[in-house]
Structures are given as C-alpha cells and as structure tokens.
C-alpha cells in the first residue's frame, strides 16, 4: 500500500478539527501512545532481525 504520510496527516487533522475539545484531547492522547509504541516495536523487531541475519552469516563463515 503506497500512501503518502502527508495525506494521512491531513486526514487526521480534518478529523480532529471536527471534534469538540474533550474528544480532541482523548483521541490525540491515544494516537500519541499508539504512535510511540509502534515506533518502539519497529526498531526492536528490526534489531532482532539484524541480529538473526548476522548470526546466520557468522555460522556460514565458520564452515
């Protein structure tokens, strides 16, 4: 799926603009948390994958 991040940002902005203050605060908190957790997990997953491939190549080099 090829989606431009700016488009997503605009969509979220429009959605938030149509809400009242209480809803706005709640949603932004949720979005912020979700965003942070996914960023953390992505780097963690990438690191695991990198380590796994390094181990594989080390094993091959030993033989």
PDB file of N, CA and C in Angstrom:
ATOM      1  N   UNK A   1       0.832  -1.190   0.000  1.00  0.00           N
ATOM      2  CA  UNK A   1       0.000   0.000   0.000  1.00  0.00           C
ATOM      3  C   UNK A   1       0.872   1.247   0.000  1.00  0.00           C
ATOM      4  N   UNK A   2       0.754   2.042  -1.015  1.00  0.00           N
ATOM      5  CA  UNK A   2       1.580   3.236  -1.116  1.00  0.00           C
ATOM      6  C   UNK A   2       0.767   4.471  -0.739  1.00  0.00           C
ATOM      7  N   UNK A   3       0.949   4.923   0.521  1.00  0.00           N
ATOM      8  CA  UNK A   3       0.198   6.088   0.999  1.00  0.00           C
ATOM      9  C   UNK A   3       1.172   7.158   1.436  1.00  0.00           C
ATOM     10  N   UNK A   4       0.908   8.369   1.027  1.00  0.00           N
ATOM     11  CA  UNK A   4       1.761   9.484   1.411  1.00  0.00           C
ATOM     12  C   UNK A   4       1.441   9.885   2.856  1.00  0.00           C
ATOM     13  N   UNK A   5       2.485  10.029   3.678  1.00  0.00           N
ATOM     14  CA  UNK A   5       2.272  10.379   5.078  1.00  0.00           C
ATOM     15  C   UNK A   5       1.551  11.707   5.241  1.00  0.00           C
ATOM     16  N   UNK A   6       1.791  12.648   4.346  1.00  0.00           N
ATOM     17  CA  UNK A   6       1.131  13.952   4.425  1.00  0.00           C
ATOM     18  C   UNK A   6      -0.384  13.804   4.293  1.00  0.00           C
ATOM     19  N   UNK A   7      -0.810  12.872   3.420  1.00  0.00           N
ATOM     20  CA  UNK A   7      -2.246  12.631   3.239  1.00  0.00           C
ATOM     21  C   UNK A   7      -2.864  12.152   4.544  1.00  0.00           C
ATOM     22  N   UNK A   8      -2.167  11.232   5.205  1.00  0.00           N
ATOM     23  CA  UNK A   8      -2.658  10.703   6.483  1.00  0.00           C
ATOM     24  C   UNK A   8      -2.754  11.838   7.494  1.00  0.00           C
ATOM     25  N   UNK A   9      -1.708  12.640   7.570  1.00  0.00           N
ATOM     26  CA  UNK A   9      -1.692  13.772   8.496  1.00  0.00           C
ATOM     27  C   UNK A   9      -2.868  14.705   8.254  1.00  0.00           C
ATOM     28  N   UNK A  10      -3.137  15.012   6.979  1.00  0.00           N
ATOM     29  CA  UNK A  10      -4.260  15.891   6.643  1.00  0.00           C
ATOM     30  C   UNK A  10      -5.578  15.278   7.089  1.00  0.00           C
ATOM     31  N   UNK A  11      -5.734  13.989   6.842  1.00  0.00           N
ATOM     32  CA  UNK A  11      -6.960  13.289   7.228  1.00  0.00           C
ATOM     33  C   UNK A  11      -7.184  13.359   8.729  1.00  0.00           C
ATOM     34  N   UNK A  12      -6.121  13.117   9.483  1.00  0.00           N
ATOM     35  CA  UNK A  12      -6.228  13.169  10.941  1.00  0.00           C
ATOM     36  C   UNK A  12      -6.550  14.589  11.392  1.00  0.00           C
ATOM     37  N   UNK A  13      -5.882  15.571  10.774  1.00  0.00           N
ATOM     38  CA  UNK A  13      -6.146  16.972  11.121  1.00  0.00           C
ATOM     39  C   UNK A  13      -7.617  17.318  10.908  1.00  0.00           C
ATOM     40  N   UNK A  14      -8.153  16.918   9.749  1.00  0.00           N
ATOM     41  CA  UNK A  14      -9.560  17.205   9.449  1.00  0.00           C
ATOM     42  C   UNK A  14     -10.484  16.534  10.454  1.00  0.00           C
ATOM     43  N   UNK A  15     -10.143  15.288  10.806  1.00  0.00           N
ATOM     44  CA  UNK A  15     -10.946  14.546  11.766  1.00  0.00           C
ATOM     45  C   UNK A  15     -10.944  15.267  13.120  1.00  0.00           C
ATOM     46  N   UNK A  16      -9.753  15.685  13.551  1.00  0.00           N
ATOM     47  CA  UNK A  16      -9.608  16.338  14.856  1.00  0.00           C
ATOM     48  C   UNK A  16     -10.300  17.702  14.866  1.00  0.00           C
ATOM     49  N   UNK A  17     -10.237  18.418  13.747  1.00  0.00           N
ATOM     50  CA  UNK A  17     -10.868  19.744  13.683  1.00  0.00           C
ATOM     51  C   UNK A  17     -12.381  19.665  13.902  1.00  0.00           C
ATOM     52  N   UNK A  18     -12.994  18.549  13.508  1.00  0.00           N
ATOM     53  CA  UNK A  18     -14.450  18.443  13.615  1.00  0.00           C
ATOM     54  C   UNK A  18     -14.902  17.950  14.992  1.00  0.00           C
ATOM     55  N   UNK A  19     -13.957  17.706  15.915  1.00  0.00           N
ATOM     56  CA  UNK A  19     -14.314  17.213  17.253  1.00  0.00           C
ATOM     57  C   UNK A  19     -14.392  18.357  18.260  1.00  0.00           C
ATOM     58  N   UNK A  20     -15.050  18.076  19.387  1.00  0.00           N
ATOM     59  CA  UNK A  20     -15.022  19.065  20.469  1.00  0.00           C
ATOM     60  C   UNK A  20     -13.769  18.851  21.328  1.00  0.00           C
ATOM     61  N   UNK A  21     -13.488  19.747  22.252  1.00  0.00           N
ATOM     62  CA  UNK A  21     -12.222  19.737  22.995  1.00  0.00           C
ATOM     63  C   UNK A  21     -11.960  18.440  23.750  1.00  0.00           C
ATOM     64  N   UNK A  22     -12.984  17.914  24.404  1.00  0.00           N
ATOM     65  CA  UNK A  22     -12.803  16.708  25.224  1.00  0.00           C
ATOM     66  C   UNK A  22     -12.407  15.521  24.349  1.00  0.00           C
ATOM     67  N   UNK A  23     -13.135  15.353  23.249  1.00  0.00           N
ATOM     68  CA  UNK A  23     -12.830  14.266  22.306  1.00  0.00           C
ATOM     69  C   UNK A  23     -11.426  14.440  21.732  1.00  0.00           C
ATOM     70  N   UNK A  24     -11.105  15.687  21.411  1.00  0.00           N
ATOM     71  CA  UNK A  24      -9.813  16.002  20.807  1.00  0.00           C
ATOM     72  C   UNK A  24      -8.682  15.521  21.710  1.00  0.00           C
ATOM     73  N   UNK A  25      -8.760  15.911  22.972  1.00  0.00           N
ATOM     74  CA  UNK A  25      -7.704  15.565  23.927  1.00  0.00           C
ATOM     75  C   UNK A  25      -7.541  14.051  24.012  1.00  0.00           C
ATOM     76  N   UNK A  26      -8.666  13.353  24.161  1.00  0.00           N
ATOM     77  CA  UNK A  26      -8.680  11.906  24.328  1.00  0.00           C
ATOM     78  C   UNK A  26      -8.049  11.207  23.117  1.00  0.00           C
ATOM     79  N   UNK A  27      -8.496  11.606  21.925  1.00  0.00           N
ATOM     80  CA  UNK A  27      -8.021  10.969  20.691  1.00  0.00           C
ATOM     81  C   UNK A  27      -6.543  11.227  20.469  1.00  0.00           C
ATOM     82  N   UNK A  28      -6.120  12.461  20.694  1.00  0.00           N
ATOM     83  CA  UNK A  28      -4.710  12.782  20.473  1.00  0.00           C
ATOM     84  C   UNK A  28      -3.818  11.987  21.427  1.00  0.00           C
ATOM     85  N   UNK A  29      -4.289  11.815  22.669  1.00  0.00           N
ATOM     86  CA  UNK A  29      -3.521  11.002  23.617  1.00  0.00           C
ATOM     87  C   UNK A  29      -3.369   9.587  23.097  1.00  0.00           C
ATOM     88  N   UNK A  30      -4.488   9.011  22.650  1.00  0.00           N
ATOM     89  CA  UNK A  30      -4.465   7.637  22.128  1.00  0.00           C
ATOM     90  C   UNK A  30      -3.524   7.537  20.928  1.00  0.00           C
ATOM     91  N   UNK A  31      -3.662   8.491  19.996  1.00  0.00           N
ATOM     92  CA  UNK A  31      -2.825   8.474  18.793  1.00  0.00           C
ATOM     93  C   UNK A  31      -1.353   8.564  19.177  1.00  0.00           C
ATOM     94  N   UNK A  32      -1.053   9.467  20.108  1.00  0.00           N
ATOM     95  CA  UNK A  32       0.327   9.652  20.531  1.00  0.00           C
ATOM     96  C   UNK A  32       0.900   8.369  21.103  1.00  0.00           C
ATOM     97  N   UNK A  33       0.121   7.722  21.953  1.00  0.00           N
ATOM     98  CA  UNK A  33       0.584   6.482  22.586  1.00  0.00           C
ATOM     99  C   UNK A  33       0.801   5.400  21.548  1.00  0.00           C
ATOM    100  N   UNK A  34      -0.190   5.239  20.649  1.00  0.00           N
ATOM    101  CA  UNK A  34      -0.100   4.206  19.627  1.00  0.00           C
ATOM    102  C   UNK A  34       1.141   4.441  18.766  1.00  0.00           C
ATOM    103  N   UNK A  35       1.336   5.711  18.397  1.00  0.00           N
ATOM    104  CA  UNK A  35       2.448   6.076  17.534  1.00  0.00           C
ATOM    105  C   UNK A  35       3.779   5.709  18.194  1.00  0.00           C
ATOM    106  N   UNK A  36       3.925   6.095  19.464  1.00  0.00           N
ATOM    107  CA  UNK A  36       5.172   5.822  20.174  1.00  0.00           C
ATOM    108  C   UNK A  36       5.426   4.332  20.291  1.00  0.00           C
ATOM    109  N   UNK A  37       4.381   3.573  20.629  1.00  0.00           N
ATOM    110  CA  UNK A  37       4.582   2.143  20.839  1.00  0.00           C
ATOM    111  C   UNK A  37       4.968   1.458  19.532  1.00  0.00           C
ATOM    112  N   UNK A  38       4.362   1.868  18.401  1.00  0.00           N
ATOM    113  CA  UNK A  38       4.710   1.214  17.141  1.00  0.00           C
ATOM    114  C   UNK A  38       6.134   1.548  16.735  1.00  0.00           C
ATOM    115  N   UNK A  39       6.556   2.788  16.981  1.00  0.00           N
ATOM    116  CA  UNK A  39       7.928   3.163  16.645  1.00  0.00           C
ATOM    117  C   UNK A  39       8.895   2.280  17.441  1.00  0.00           C
ATOM    118  N   UNK A  40       8.629   2.135  18.728  1.00  0.00           N
ATOM    119  CA  UNK A  40       9.490   1.308  19.582  1.00  0.00           C
ATOM    120  C   UNK A  40       9.550  -0.121  19.088  1.00  0.00           C
ATOM    121  N   UNK A  41       8.396  -0.679  18.762  1.00  0.00           N
ATOM    122  CA  UNK A  41       8.350  -2.072  18.338  1.00  0.00           C
ATOM    123  C   UNK A  41       9.045  -2.282  17.006  1.00  0.00           C
ATOM    124  N   UNK A  42       8.876  -1.330  16.095  1.00  0.00           N
ATOM    125  CA  UNK A  42       9.512  -1.480  14.788  1.00  0.00           C
ATOM    126  C   UNK A  42      11.021  -1.570  14.930  1.00  0.00           C
ATOM    127  N   UNK A  43      11.614  -0.693  15.741  1.00  0.00           N
ATOM    128  CA  UNK A  43      13.066  -0.716  15.880  1.00  0.00           C
ATOM    129  C   UNK A  43      13.510  -1.997  16.588  1.00  0.00           C
ATOM    130  N   UNK A  44      12.690  -2.451  17.549  1.00  0.00           N
ATOM    131  CA  UNK A  44      13.014  -3.679  18.276  1.00  0.00           C
ATOM    132  C   UNK A  44      13.012  -4.866  17.314  1.00  0.00           C
ATOM    133  N   UNK A  45      11.967  -4.941  16.475  1.00  0.00           N
ATOM    134  CA  UNK A  45      11.855  -6.025  15.507  1.00  0.00           C
ATOM    135  C   UNK A  45      13.015  -5.977  14.522  1.00  0.00           C
ATOM    136  N   UNK A  46      13.330  -4.765  14.049  1.00  0.00           N
ATOM    137  CA  UNK A  46      14.422  -4.614  13.088  1.00  0.00           C
ATOM    138  C   UNK A  46      15.737  -5.093  13.694  1.00  0.00           C
ATOM    139  N   UNK A  47      15.951  -4.742  14.961  1.00  0.00           N
ATOM    140  CA  UNK A  47      17.185  -5.137  15.643  1.00  0.00           C
ATOM    141  C   UNK A  47      17.275  -6.656  15.750  1.00  0.00           C
ATOM    142  N   UNK A  48      16.159  -7.302  16.130  1.00  0.00           N
ATOM    143  CA  UNK A  48      16.143  -8.762  16.234  1.00  0.00           C
ATOM    144  C   UNK A  48      16.483  -9.399  14.895  1.00  0.00           C
ATOM    145  N   UNK A  49      15.864  -8.878  13.837  1.00  0.00           N
ATOM    146  CA  UNK A  49      16.076  -9.424  12.503  1.00  0.00           C
ATOM    147  C   UNK A  49      17.545  -9.291  12.100  1.00  0.00           C
ATOM    148  N   UNK A  50      18.120  -8.119  12.392  1.00  0.00           N
ATOM    149  CA  UNK A  50      19.512  -7.856  12.044  1.00  0.00           C
ATOM    150  C   UNK A  50      20.424  -8.850  12.760  1.00  0.00           C
ATOM    151  N   UNK A  51      20.175  -9.042  14.061  1.00  0.00           N
ATOM    152  CA  UNK A  51      20.993  -9.972  14.840  1.00  0.00           C
ATOM    153  C   UNK A  51      20.894 -11.382  14.282  1.00  0.00           C
ATOM    154  N   UNK A  52      19.691 -11.772  13.898  1.00  0.00           N
ATOM    155  CA  UNK A  52      19.472 -13.120  13.368  1.00  0.00           C
ATOM    156  C   UNK A  52      20.278 -13.327  12.089  1.00  0.00           C
ATOM    157  N   UNK A  53      20.231 -12.336  11.187  1.00  0.00           N
ATOM    158  CA  UNK A  53      20.959 -12.488   9.923  1.00  0.00           C
ATOM    159  C   UNK A  53      22.471 -12.469  10.171  1.00  0.00           C
ATOM    160  N   UNK A  54      22.921 -11.681  11.151  1.00  0.00           N
ATOM    161  CA  UNK A  54      24.348 -11.665  11.476  1.00  0.00           C
ATOM    162  C   UNK A  54      24.800 -13.031  11.975  1.00  0.00           C
ATOM    163  N   UNK A  55      23.980 -13.644  12.846  1.00  0.00           N
ATOM    164  CA  UNK A  55      24.311 -14.972  13.359  1.00  0.00           C
ATOM    165  C   UNK A  55      24.444 -15.961  12.208  1.00  0.00           C
ATOM    166  N   UNK A  56      23.474 -15.909  11.274  1.00  0.00           N
ATOM    167  CA  UNK A  56      23.497 -16.816  10.131  1.00  0.00           C
ATOM    168  C   UNK A  56      24.789 -16.662   9.341  1.00  0.00           C
ATOM    169  N   UNK A  57      25.161 -15.413   9.066  1.00  0.00           N
ATOM    170  CA  UNK A  57      26.353 -15.194   8.243  1.00  0.00           C
ATOM    171  C   UNK A  57      27.615 -15.630   8.999  1.00  0.00           C
ATOM    172  N   UNK A  58      27.634 -15.437  10.312  1.00  0.00           N
ATOM    173  CA  UNK A  58      28.792 -15.903  11.097  1.00  0.00           C
ATOM    174  C   UNK A  58      28.930 -17.414  11.001  1.00  0.00           C
ATOM    175  N   UNK A  59      27.787 -18.106  11.098  1.00  0.00           N
ATOM    176  CA  UNK A  59      27.797 -19.568  11.007  1.00  0.00           C
ATOM    177  C   UNK A  59      28.353 -20.015   9.657  1.00  0.00           C
ATOM    178  N   UNK A  60      27.901 -19.366   8.612  1.00  0.00           N
ATOM    179  CA  UNK A  60      28.358 -19.731   7.261  1.00  0.00           C
ATOM    180  C   UNK A  60      29.860 -19.489   7.119  1.00  0.00           C
ATOM    181  N   UNK A  61      30.337 -18.376   7.683  1.00  0.00           N
ATOM    182  CA  UNK A  61      31.757 -18.040   7.563  1.00  0.00           C
ATOM    183  C   UNK A  61      32.647 -19.049   8.286  1.00  0.00           C
ATOM    184  N   UNK A  62      32.158 -19.635   9.365  1.00  0.00           N
ATOM    185  CA  UNK A  62      32.966 -20.591  10.132  1.00  0.00           C
ATOM    186  C   UNK A  62      33.240 -21.864   9.354  1.00  0.00           C
ATOM    187  N   UNK A  63      32.247 -22.281   8.549  1.00  0.00           N
ATOM    188  CA  UNK A  63      32.385 -23.563   7.838  1.00  0.00           C
ATOM    189  C   UNK A  63      33.420 -23.490   6.730  1.00  0.00           C
TER     190      UNK A  63
END
